[in-house]
Protein backbone atom coordinates (compact mmCIF):
# COMPACT_ATOMS: atom_id res chain seq x y z
CA MET A 1 -98.01 46.37 -14.43
CA HIS A 2 -99.81 43.48 -15.13
CA GLY A 3 -102.49 42.92 -12.61
CA ARG A 4 -106.08 41.52 -12.23
CA PRO A 5 -108.27 42.18 -15.55
CA PRO A 6 -111.28 44.37 -14.96
CA VAL A 7 -114.69 43.19 -13.66
CA SER A 8 -116.49 44.09 -17.09
CA ARG A 9 -113.60 41.66 -18.75
CA ARG A 10 -113.55 39.11 -15.85
CA TRP A 11 -117.45 38.62 -16.40
CA LEU A 12 -117.53 38.67 -20.10
CA THR A 13 -116.37 34.91 -20.57
CA HIS A 14 -115.67 33.26 -23.62
CA GLU A 15 -119.94 31.34 -23.28
CA ARG A 16 -121.22 34.74 -22.65
CA ARG A 17 -119.74 36.17 -25.33
CA VAL A 18 -120.99 33.68 -27.66
CA LEU A 19 -124.41 33.46 -25.76
CA LEU A 20 -124.78 37.38 -26.55
CA LEU A 21 -123.51 37.00 -30.22
CA ALA A 22 -126.31 34.29 -30.64
CA LEU A 23 -129.26 36.74 -28.81
CA ALA A 24 -127.72 39.54 -31.41
CA ALA A 25 -127.85 37.28 -34.29
CA GLY A 26 -131.73 36.32 -33.60
CA LEU A 27 -132.51 39.68 -32.18
CA PRO A 28 -133.50 41.58 -35.53
CA GLY A 29 -135.79 38.75 -36.74
CA SER A 30 -137.48 38.46 -33.51
CA ALA A 31 -137.71 42.16 -32.93
CA LEU A 32 -139.41 42.37 -36.47
CA GLY A 33 -141.53 39.44 -35.81
CA LEU A 34 -143.03 40.96 -32.42
CA VAL A 35 -143.48 44.30 -34.06
CA LEU A 36 -145.58 42.76 -36.83
CA LEU A 37 -147.35 40.83 -34.22
CA TRP A 38 -148.87 43.61 -32.42
CA THR A 39 -149.42 46.03 -34.90
CA GLY A 40 -151.44 43.36 -36.94
CA GLY A 41 -154.68 43.71 -35.37
CA PHE A 42 -154.27 40.29 -33.93
CA ALA A 43 -156.54 39.47 -30.59
CA LEU A 44 -154.66 39.99 -27.14
CA HIS A 45 -154.19 35.99 -26.41
CA VAL A 46 -152.96 35.05 -29.18
CA GLN A 47 -150.32 37.97 -29.46
CA TRP A 48 -149.11 37.14 -26.06
CA THR A 49 -149.12 33.53 -26.50
CA LEU A 50 -147.17 34.20 -30.03
CA THR A 51 -144.80 36.38 -28.15
CA LEU A 52 -144.15 34.00 -25.29
CA LEU A 53 -143.11 31.29 -28.16
CA VAL A 54 -140.77 33.63 -29.84
CA LEU A 55 -138.75 34.57 -26.88
CA ILE A 56 -138.56 30.78 -25.86
CA LEU A 57 -137.52 30.02 -29.42
CA TRP A 58 -135.24 32.60 -29.46
CA SER A 59 -133.54 31.90 -26.02
CA ALA A 60 -133.60 28.11 -26.88
CA PHE A 61 -131.78 28.75 -29.99
CA ALA A 62 -129.25 31.33 -28.77
CA PHE A 63 -128.40 28.69 -25.69
CA ALA A 64 -128.23 25.85 -28.28
CA ALA A 65 -125.99 27.56 -30.10
CA ARG A 66 -123.43 28.21 -27.24
CA GLU A 67 -123.67 24.92 -26.22
CA ARG A 68 -122.60 23.64 -29.73
CA VAL A 69 -119.36 26.15 -29.28
CA VAL A 70 -118.29 25.33 -25.90
CA PHE A 71 -118.76 21.90 -25.33
CA PRO A 72 -116.24 20.60 -28.23
CA LEU A 73 -113.96 23.08 -26.14
CA GLN A 74 -114.56 21.67 -22.82
CA THR A 75 -113.74 18.24 -24.29
CA VAL A 76 -110.64 19.25 -25.88
CA SER A 77 -109.57 21.14 -22.68
CA ASN A 78 -110.52 17.77 -20.84
CA LEU A 79 -108.12 15.67 -23.17
CA LEU A 80 -105.51 18.38 -22.45
CA ALA A 81 -105.56 18.32 -19.23
CA ALA A 82 -105.45 14.29 -19.41
CA LEU A 83 -102.45 14.66 -21.40
CA ARG A 84 -100.88 17.04 -19.06
CA GLU A 85 -101.72 14.46 -16.02
CA GLU A 86 -99.86 11.88 -18.21
CA ASP A 87 -102.88 10.32 -18.51
CA PHE A 88 -103.01 8.87 -22.24
CA SER A 89 -106.31 6.29 -22.16
CA ILE A 90 -108.59 9.05 -22.72
CA ARG A 91 -109.62 9.70 -26.62
CA ALA A 92 -112.16 12.20 -28.12
CA ARG A 93 -114.90 10.15 -29.99
CA GLY A 94 -117.20 11.04 -33.61
CA SER A 95 -114.12 13.24 -35.17
CA ARG A 96 -114.64 13.34 -38.78
CA ARG A 97 -111.66 14.44 -41.81
CA ASP A 98 -114.29 16.38 -43.21
CA ASP A 99 -115.23 18.78 -40.41
CA ALA A 100 -113.04 21.57 -39.01
CA LEU A 101 -113.72 20.42 -35.39
CA GLY A 102 -113.46 16.72 -36.06
CA GLU A 103 -109.84 17.54 -37.67
CA VAL A 104 -108.99 19.13 -34.29
CA LEU A 105 -109.70 16.24 -32.09
CA ILE A 106 -108.07 13.76 -34.71
CA GLU A 107 -104.84 15.74 -34.24
CA VAL A 108 -105.29 15.72 -30.12
CA ASN A 109 -106.07 12.00 -30.31
CA ALA A 110 -102.88 11.60 -32.51
CA LEU A 111 -100.87 13.59 -30.27
CA ALA A 112 -102.16 11.28 -27.27
CA ASP A 113 -100.81 7.88 -29.17
CA THR A 114 -97.35 9.86 -29.93
CA LEU A 115 -97.10 11.00 -25.87
CA ARG A 116 -97.86 7.74 -25.03
CA SER A 117 -95.51 6.05 -27.25
CA GLN A 118 -93.04 8.87 -25.88
CA ARG A 119 -93.45 8.25 -22.52
CA LEU A 120 -93.37 4.37 -23.00
CA GLY A 121 -89.96 4.89 -24.34
CA ALA A 122 -88.79 6.92 -21.82
CA LEU A 123 -89.62 4.60 -19.18
CA ASP A 124 -88.03 1.63 -20.60
CA ALA A 125 -85.02 3.68 -21.14
CA SER A 126 -84.95 5.12 -17.62
CA SER A 127 -85.73 1.34 -16.56
CA LEU A 128 -82.74 0.17 -18.35
CA LEU A 129 -80.50 3.13 -17.40
CA ARG A 130 -81.32 2.53 -13.89
CA ALA A 131 -80.30 -0.97 -13.95
CA VAL A 132 -77.35 -0.63 -15.62
CA MET A 133 -76.23 1.95 -13.20
CA GLU A 134 -76.77 -0.82 -10.68
CA GLU A 135 -75.21 -3.59 -12.36
CA ILE A 136 -72.09 -1.98 -13.43
CA PRO A 137 -68.95 -2.22 -11.09
CA VAL A 138 -68.03 1.57 -11.50
CA ALA A 139 -69.10 4.17 -8.79
CA VAL A 140 -71.21 6.89 -10.59
CA PHE A 141 -71.90 10.37 -8.97
CA ALA A 142 -73.96 13.54 -9.75
CA PHE A 143 -73.49 16.68 -8.50
CA ASP A 144 -75.56 19.84 -8.37
CA PRO A 145 -74.22 23.42 -9.11
CA ASP A 146 -73.69 23.85 -5.51
CA ARG A 147 -71.43 20.24 -5.64
CA ARG A 148 -74.24 18.75 -3.20
CA LEU A 149 -75.07 14.96 -4.34
CA ARG A 150 -77.88 14.30 -6.14
CA LEU A 151 -77.99 10.81 -7.53
CA VAL A 152 -75.83 7.58 -6.60
CA ASN A 153 -75.14 3.88 -7.72
CA GLY A 154 -74.82 0.85 -5.94
CA ALA A 155 -71.40 0.66 -6.50
CA GLY A 156 -71.04 4.05 -5.00
CA GLU A 157 -72.70 3.26 -1.99
CA ALA A 158 -70.61 0.78 -1.47
CA LEU A 159 -67.31 3.14 -2.41
CA LEU A 160 -68.55 5.31 0.88
CA ALA A 161 -70.29 2.55 2.79
CA GLN A 162 -73.43 4.19 2.98
CA PRO A 163 -76.86 4.01 1.93
CA ALA A 164 -78.43 7.00 -0.42
CA GLU A 165 -80.55 7.53 1.73
CA ARG A 166 -77.74 9.04 3.83
CA LEU A 167 -75.32 10.33 0.84
CA LEU A 168 -77.76 12.43 -1.42
CA GLY A 169 -77.86 16.17 -0.12
CA LEU A 170 -74.21 16.26 1.17
CA ASP A 171 -71.44 18.07 -0.41
CA ALA A 172 -68.59 16.89 -2.39
CA GLY A 173 -66.12 17.75 0.36
CA SER A 174 -67.68 15.86 3.27
CA LEU A 175 -68.18 13.00 0.90
CA GLY A 176 -64.63 12.86 0.07
CA LEU A 177 -65.06 13.75 -3.44
CA ALA A 178 -63.74 17.33 -4.00
CA ALA A 179 -60.42 16.10 -4.95
CA CYS A 180 -61.84 13.74 -8.16
CA LEU A 181 -64.16 16.71 -8.98
CA ASP A 182 -60.62 19.00 -9.15
CA HIS A 183 -58.60 16.14 -10.79
CA ASP A 184 -57.55 18.64 -13.93
CA ARG A 185 -53.95 17.34 -13.76
CA SER A 186 -54.37 13.62 -14.08
CA PRO A 187 -56.68 11.31 -15.38
CA THR A 188 -55.88 9.24 -12.42
CA LEU A 189 -55.93 9.52 -8.71
CA ASP A 190 -54.63 7.56 -5.37
CA VAL A 191 -57.78 7.96 -2.95
CA ALA A 192 -58.56 6.03 0.03
CA PHE A 193 -62.56 5.88 0.87
CA PRO A 194 -64.41 4.26 3.48
CA GLY A 195 -65.36 1.05 1.33
CA GLY A 196 -62.08 0.37 -0.35
CA SER A 197 -59.13 2.53 -2.04
CA GLY A 198 -56.17 2.12 -4.75
CA ARG A 199 -55.59 3.98 -8.18
CA TRP A 200 -58.98 5.46 -9.83
CA GLU A 201 -59.44 6.28 -13.30
CA ILE A 202 -61.93 9.76 -12.89
CA ARG A 203 -64.23 10.82 -15.32
CA THR A 204 -66.41 14.02 -15.28
CA LYS A 205 -69.26 15.16 -17.49
CA THR A 206 -71.79 17.78 -17.38
CA PHE A 207 -75.37 16.95 -18.34
CA ARG A 208 -78.91 18.63 -17.44
CA GLN A 209 -82.07 16.61 -15.65
CA GLY A 210 -84.98 18.94 -15.17
CA GLY A 211 -83.08 21.92 -16.63
CA LEU A 212 -80.92 21.58 -13.59
CA PRO A 213 -77.10 21.24 -14.58
CA LEU A 214 -75.76 18.37 -12.95
CA GLU A 215 -71.76 17.13 -12.93
CA LEU A 216 -71.30 13.26 -13.69
CA LEU A 217 -68.26 11.82 -11.67
CA VAL A 218 -67.39 8.75 -12.24
CA LEU A 219 -64.86 6.44 -10.50
CA THR A 220 -63.28 3.37 -11.83
CA ASP A 221 -60.69 1.68 -9.99
CA VAL A 222 -58.09 0.42 -12.09
CA SER A 223 -55.34 -0.91 -9.62
CA ARG A 224 -56.33 -4.17 -10.79
CA SER A 225 -55.82 -3.51 -14.84
CA LEU A 226 -52.67 -1.41 -13.53
CA ARG A 227 -50.75 -4.62 -11.32
CA ASP A 228 -51.87 -6.87 -14.43
CA GLU A 229 -50.16 -4.81 -16.96
CA GLU A 230 -47.49 -4.02 -14.76
CA ARG A 231 -46.90 -7.89 -14.14
CA LEU A 232 -47.23 -8.73 -17.81
CA ALA A 233 -44.90 -6.04 -18.43
CA TRP A 234 -42.40 -7.23 -15.82
CA GLN A 235 -42.63 -10.83 -17.48
CA ARG A 236 -41.47 -8.97 -21.26
CA LEU A 237 -39.00 -7.64 -19.65
CA ILE A 238 -37.51 -10.64 -17.94
CA ARG A 239 -37.91 -12.64 -21.17
CA VAL A 240 -36.16 -10.12 -23.43
CA ILE A 241 -33.52 -9.67 -20.50
CA GLY A 242 -33.60 -13.38 -20.15
CA HIS A 243 -32.89 -14.13 -23.54
CA GLU A 244 -30.06 -11.76 -24.54
CA ILE A 245 -28.21 -12.43 -21.32
CA ASN A 246 -28.34 -16.43 -22.49
CA ASN A 247 -27.69 -15.24 -25.80
CA SER A 248 -24.25 -13.75 -24.44
CA LEU A 249 -23.34 -16.49 -21.34
CA ALA A 250 -23.63 -19.53 -23.73
CA PRO A 251 -20.39 -18.48 -26.20
CA ILE A 252 -18.67 -17.41 -22.74
CA LYS A 253 -19.63 -20.37 -21.13
CA SER A 254 -18.43 -22.48 -24.22
CA VAL A 255 -15.40 -20.66 -24.85
CA ALA A 256 -14.29 -20.92 -21.26
CA HIS A 257 -15.13 -24.20 -21.36
CA SER A 258 -12.74 -24.93 -24.36
CA LEU A 259 -10.12 -22.81 -22.87
CA GLU A 260 -9.97 -24.42 -19.50
CA ARG A 261 -9.74 -27.94 -21.38
CA SER A 262 -6.97 -27.32 -23.74
CA LEU A 263 -5.16 -25.38 -20.37
CA GLY A 264 -5.62 -28.27 -18.22
CA ARG A 265 -4.30 -31.07 -20.87
CA PRO A 266 -0.73 -31.69 -21.21
CA PRO A 267 1.22 -31.12 -23.33
CA ARG A 268 -0.18 -27.74 -24.25
CA PRO A 269 -1.34 -27.22 -27.81
CA PRO A 270 1.51 -25.10 -29.78
CA ASP A 271 -1.09 -22.93 -30.86
CA TRP A 272 -2.71 -22.37 -27.14
CA GLU A 273 -1.94 -18.63 -27.40
CA SER A 274 -3.50 -17.78 -30.20
CA ASP A 275 -6.42 -19.82 -29.27
CA LEU A 276 -6.85 -18.18 -25.58
CA GLN A 277 -6.49 -14.91 -27.15
CA SER A 278 -9.10 -15.69 -30.04
CA GLY A 279 -11.19 -17.22 -27.01
CA LEU A 280 -10.55 -14.23 -24.75
CA GLY A 281 -11.44 -11.98 -27.61
CA VAL A 282 -14.84 -13.68 -28.41
CA ILE A 283 -15.62 -13.34 -24.21
CA SER A 284 -15.03 -9.56 -24.44
CA ALA A 285 -16.52 -8.88 -27.27
CA ARG A 286 -20.20 -11.07 -26.07
CA ALA A 287 -19.58 -8.57 -22.52
CA ASP A 288 -19.52 -5.54 -24.65
CA ALA A 289 -22.43 -6.28 -26.52
CA LEU A 290 -24.63 -7.27 -22.96
CA GLY A 291 -22.76 -4.01 -21.49
CA ARG A 292 -24.40 -2.24 -24.81
CA PHE A 293 -27.85 -3.90 -24.12
CA THR A 294 -28.16 -3.28 -20.49
CA ALA A 295 -26.99 0.54 -21.14
CA ALA A 296 -30.07 0.84 -24.15
CA TYR A 297 -32.17 -0.70 -21.23
CA ALA A 298 -31.25 1.92 -19.16
CA GLN A 299 -31.51 4.61 -21.72
CA LEU A 300 -35.24 3.94 -21.91
CA ALA A 301 -35.84 3.47 -18.39
CA ARG A 302 -33.55 7.46 -17.37
CA LEU A 303 -36.08 9.33 -19.77
CA PRO A 304 -36.38 12.54 -17.77
CA ALA A 305 -39.35 14.33 -18.07
CA PRO A 306 -39.99 16.91 -20.72
CA SER A 307 -38.99 20.70 -19.90
CA LEU A 308 -41.65 22.18 -22.32
CA LYS A 309 -40.72 25.82 -23.87
CA ALA A 310 -42.77 27.83 -26.70
CA VAL A 311 -40.65 26.87 -29.62
CA PRO A 312 -41.57 27.89 -33.24
CA LEU A 313 -42.15 24.38 -35.19
CA ARG A 314 -40.78 25.92 -38.20
CA LEU A 315 -37.35 26.94 -36.45
CA LEU A 316 -36.53 23.37 -34.82
CA VAL A 317 -37.52 21.51 -38.06
CA GLU A 318 -35.48 23.44 -40.09
CA ARG A 319 -32.75 23.26 -37.44
CA VAL A 320 -32.63 19.11 -37.26
CA ALA A 321 -33.05 19.23 -41.40
CA ALA A 322 -30.06 20.95 -41.32
CA LEU A 323 -28.04 18.37 -39.58
CA GLU A 324 -25.94 15.85 -41.92
CA HIS A 325 -28.21 13.67 -43.64
CA ARG A 326 -26.47 13.08 -47.01
CA GLY A 327 -28.54 15.72 -48.45
CA ARG A 328 -31.61 14.12 -49.10
CA VAL A 329 -33.81 15.87 -46.44
CA ILE A 330 -36.31 17.99 -48.42
CA VAL A 331 -38.18 20.45 -46.16
CA ARG A 332 -41.91 21.04 -47.58
CA GLY A 333 -43.02 23.14 -44.70
CA GLY A 334 -46.52 24.05 -43.40
CA PRO A 335 -48.19 27.23 -41.40
CA GLU A 336 -46.26 29.23 -38.44
CA VAL A 337 -46.93 27.43 -35.61
CA THR A 338 -46.05 27.57 -31.97
CA VAL A 339 -45.40 24.38 -30.20
CA HIS A 340 -44.74 23.59 -26.14
CA VAL A 341 -42.12 21.19 -25.89
CA ASP A 342 -39.01 20.12 -24.75
CA PRO A 343 -36.63 20.96 -27.58
CA ASP A 344 -33.91 18.58 -27.00
CA GLN A 345 -36.12 15.90 -26.95
CA LEU A 346 -38.46 16.65 -29.98
CA GLU A 347 -34.89 17.33 -31.92
CA GLN A 348 -34.08 13.74 -31.17
CA LEU A 349 -36.77 12.29 -32.00
CA LEU A 350 -36.67 13.91 -35.40
CA ILE A 351 -33.28 13.03 -35.81
CA ASN A 352 -34.52 9.31 -35.48
CA LEU A 353 -37.22 9.60 -37.71
CA LEU A 354 -35.27 11.43 -40.25
CA ARG A 355 -32.21 8.87 -40.09
CA ASN A 356 -34.38 5.88 -40.63
CA GLY A 357 -35.94 7.64 -43.97
CA VAL A 358 -32.63 8.56 -45.11
CA GLU A 359 -31.04 5.14 -44.70
CA ALA A 360 -34.40 3.28 -46.20
CA ALA A 361 -34.30 5.98 -49.24
CA LEU A 362 -30.50 5.29 -50.15
CA GLU A 363 -31.77 1.85 -50.84
CA SER A 364 -33.93 3.40 -53.87
CA GLY A 365 -31.74 6.24 -54.24
CA GLY A 366 -34.95 8.23 -53.47
CA GLU A 367 -35.57 11.45 -51.09
CA VAL A 368 -37.31 12.07 -47.54
CA HIS A 369 -39.81 14.64 -47.45
CA LEU A 370 -40.85 16.43 -44.12
CA ALA A 371 -43.80 18.75 -43.55
CA TRP A 372 -46.59 19.73 -41.11
CA ASP A 373 -50.03 21.03 -40.71
CA VAL A 374 -52.83 21.74 -38.00
CA ARG A 375 -55.78 19.88 -37.60
CA ARG A 376 -58.17 20.63 -34.60
CA GLY A 377 -56.01 22.18 -32.53
CA ARG A 378 -53.09 19.72 -33.31
CA VAL A 379 -50.47 19.52 -35.84
CA ARG A 380 -49.49 16.63 -37.49
CA VAL A 381 -45.51 16.41 -38.68
CA ARG A 382 -44.74 14.20 -41.36
CA VAL A 383 -41.69 12.30 -42.76
CA GLU A 384 -41.90 10.37 -45.80
CA ASP A 385 -39.33 8.41 -47.68
CA GLU A 386 -38.85 7.11 -50.99
CA GLY A 387 -37.41 3.71 -49.76
CA PRO A 388 -38.62 -0.01 -50.16
CA GLY A 389 -41.34 0.50 -47.22
CA ILE A 390 -41.89 -1.79 -44.03
CA SER A 391 -41.97 -5.25 -44.28
CA ASN A 392 -43.20 -6.19 -40.92
CA THR A 393 -45.41 -3.36 -39.06
CA SER A 394 -46.68 -5.43 -36.26
CA ASN A 395 -43.03 -5.30 -34.20
CA LEU A 396 -41.87 -1.71 -35.20
CA PHE A 397 -42.32 -0.16 -31.26
CA VAL A 398 -40.69 -3.31 -29.83
CA PRO A 399 -38.14 -2.86 -27.92
CA PHE A 400 -34.56 -4.28 -29.17
CA PHE A 401 -36.46 -5.07 -32.52
CA THR A 402 -34.58 -3.95 -35.93
CA THR A 403 -34.37 -5.05 -39.18
CA LYS A 404 -30.90 -2.83 -39.55
CA PRO A 405 -27.49 -4.89 -39.45
CA GLY A 406 -26.04 -2.94 -36.17
CA GLY A 407 -29.34 -1.30 -35.11
CA SER A 408 -29.91 -1.33 -31.26
CA GLY A 409 -33.61 -1.62 -31.52
CA ILE A 410 -35.05 1.29 -29.62
CA GLY A 411 -34.85 4.08 -31.49
CA LEU A 412 -38.51 3.89 -32.32
CA VAL A 413 -39.70 2.97 -29.14
CA LEU A 414 -37.57 5.71 -27.55
CA SER A 415 -39.22 8.20 -29.64
CA ARG A 416 -42.67 7.06 -29.12
CA GLN A 417 -42.03 7.84 -25.47
CA ILE A 418 -41.04 10.91 -26.14
CA ALA A 419 -44.18 11.78 -28.09
CA GLU A 420 -46.48 10.33 -25.75
CA ALA A 421 -44.47 12.58 -22.76
CA HIS A 422 -45.65 15.55 -24.70
CA GLY A 423 -49.39 14.51 -24.81
CA GLY A 424 -49.15 13.39 -28.47
CA THR A 425 -48.82 9.83 -30.76
CA LEU A 426 -46.04 8.59 -32.96
CA THR A 427 -47.22 6.75 -35.70
CA LEU A 428 -44.99 4.48 -38.78
CA GLU A 429 -47.18 2.92 -42.06
CA ASN A 430 -46.25 2.15 -45.18
CA ARG A 431 -47.66 5.35 -48.00
CA ASP A 432 -50.05 3.60 -50.21
CA PRO A 433 -49.76 3.79 -53.40
CA GLU A 434 -46.68 5.28 -53.53
CA PRO A 435 -43.44 3.45 -52.41
CA GLY A 436 -42.10 3.93 -48.86
CA ALA A 437 -42.60 4.79 -45.51
CA ARG A 438 -44.35 7.61 -43.71
CA ALA A 439 -44.04 8.48 -39.98
CA THR A 440 -46.93 11.04 -38.18
CA LEU A 441 -46.06 12.94 -35.22
CA THR A 442 -49.14 14.75 -33.27
CA LEU A 443 -48.49 17.05 -30.69
CA PRO A 444 -50.88 19.67 -29.08
CA VAL A 445 -50.65 23.24 -30.11
């Protein structure tokens, strides 16, 4: 058990030990001098005078030695106490490099300079952080392990419509922020607060302040951004649909006008029946094309949510590669890995990629290689062809853009939608320096 030290140890302080050591150092010489003095036959008044002088000098030197040891320690203690109180203006004087005590004082002064610089830097960083937090238009909250609010910025006060003095110390449930802290399913959430409502992007992160773990909650209002993106999407959609409909209606209108003029002009030309059949054929073809166009858009819009199942990747890839691809697909393989995917949708994605690769490889008589690997918890499936490569990579994922005769322009768009619905990505790029293109599908393991 740890208790109070013995009385003898508490009494025998460092200063007293130094004094006793100094007295002990002078004791032999003083004692010898007094013995010789009192046995040397000197007069009595001389003996007492010299004895008193020896005792005074002995004590004076002992106390001087004690002071020379204790005073520098007290100086260093005062310097360290000032540093602890964050007073960096006090410095030790008379320090020299050729002296052990001087080196200690020099190092203490250097420590004070370092701590002063770090303190100024921390104050500047804290001031900048507070200024940034007050100016940014996002709400920032920090909660302790008991989910009580410990920090809030101006945007957070406006969002909850209360000053920080009333908010600090309240729990997340009473503030209406518990659902935001438990948002594992989606990065965005529709929540109504006293100071505003809308769709919020939620970010959380754990940090420590003063040794206490805190959970940081950042709420960003993305309603306006989403509305802007939605408006741009509608504009692009209307522009594409309007362009395609006009492309179909223009020849229909022209042919219908020509037929109306031919049939309404007596007498009718001898080949009016063949002109009628030809015109109706053009109208029918354009109507069929317009129907295929709207059906393709409907296919993009009706993509269902994936029904996830645990599927061995090798089995799925080999099953797709075994389909009719004109014998040009070579499976290089990869590690054994199981992915949680919708097998039907993923097969459709791989079929689209392999079909594009085979069609490109046929132009140069090359092959298509399919392989996969696992990096950082994600599996990468690569489809590489030995074709001529991609001439325009900027419009690959634009709906209905195609460079193939008779192509629909939705295969890659649909494939990327499938990949993103599974939490993955799909990229397409030219191989360098080898000829051909590479499609990379990334999925979480």
